[in-house]
Amino acid sequence: MISRINHALLSIGLASAMLITLPAQAHSVWLLPSSTVLSSPQFITFDAAVSNDIFYFNHRPLAVDTLVITAPDGSHLDPANVGKGELRTTFDLKLEQSGTYMLDILRSGLRANWKVGGQPKRFMGNAEAFAREVPANADDLQVGESIMHVMTFVTMGAPTAVKSSGIGLEILPITHPNDLVMGEPAEFQVLVDGKATADVDIEVVSGQSRYRNALGETRYKSDKQGKVKVNWSQPGMYYLDAELKDKNVSFKQAKERSLSYSVTLEVMPQ
């Protein structure tokens, strides 16, 4: 996964070449598997969407063009039967190797704001488009970088270890992500560029929020080792989300970097 993602980032060239437009972060962005644990080889179907309600596709589809699927042996797989509708993207994956599969939609890009004649202008896209579309001498020009992970994990047979990509913000599972049980705390470690990071806020929301009067989120903060223990109050699908800003930019005109990470996890009953 690391080599493929690094290759992807190098090929898109944070500083010079193709960077990918990010969706707005005002909505939830998620990958939802039809199952997370299988006992024998078979297909799993995934929904990918940007939505107002978690795991309820009611806004627009999430593109999966930068999806990286890492099999248990470290090889990379392509999604099957990809279909993009008005509200969601769907695809299938056949799990044939025993172990844990990591699915990661990794996106990075540039955002810019400036004014022309007092009127606000806005840009989102890659470095090449930035050079073409954003005036070098623009008034009040503000440029930022973004890196976003949207992840989930599925396992066939015995689970295997999951690894950090070392890119941007991550909430790395220490407790295996496909062995989560209601009433048993699960441990995670927050990483930024592969390094443990303290004081990062994490929001945890159980699915079906559409049918609750309140979102019901639980908030945690990573400790000095970047670690956090999450408690599950009920079985079901959960959405974990974190965001962070820093100054570790790679594009010379950028002043700030926005990082985000979200993951879909399933918690089983005892």
Foldseek 3Di string as FASTA:
>chain_A
DLVVVVVVCVVCPQADHWFAFDDDPPFDWAKDWPAFEAAAKDKIKIKTFTDNAPPDFDAAEDDCPQKWKAAPVRDTDDWAPWDGDGGIIMTMDIRHDFAKIKIKRKGKWKKKWADDPNHIDIDITHPVVCVVPPDPPGHPIAMEMEIEIHIEMHGHRDYDADDDSLAAWDWHWPADLQAAAAPDKTKTAIDGSRAGDWFWKKKKFFHPCVPDPDRPIDIDTAHPRRMDIDHHNDWHKMKMKTKDKDQPHDHVRHRIYIYMYMYIGTYHYD
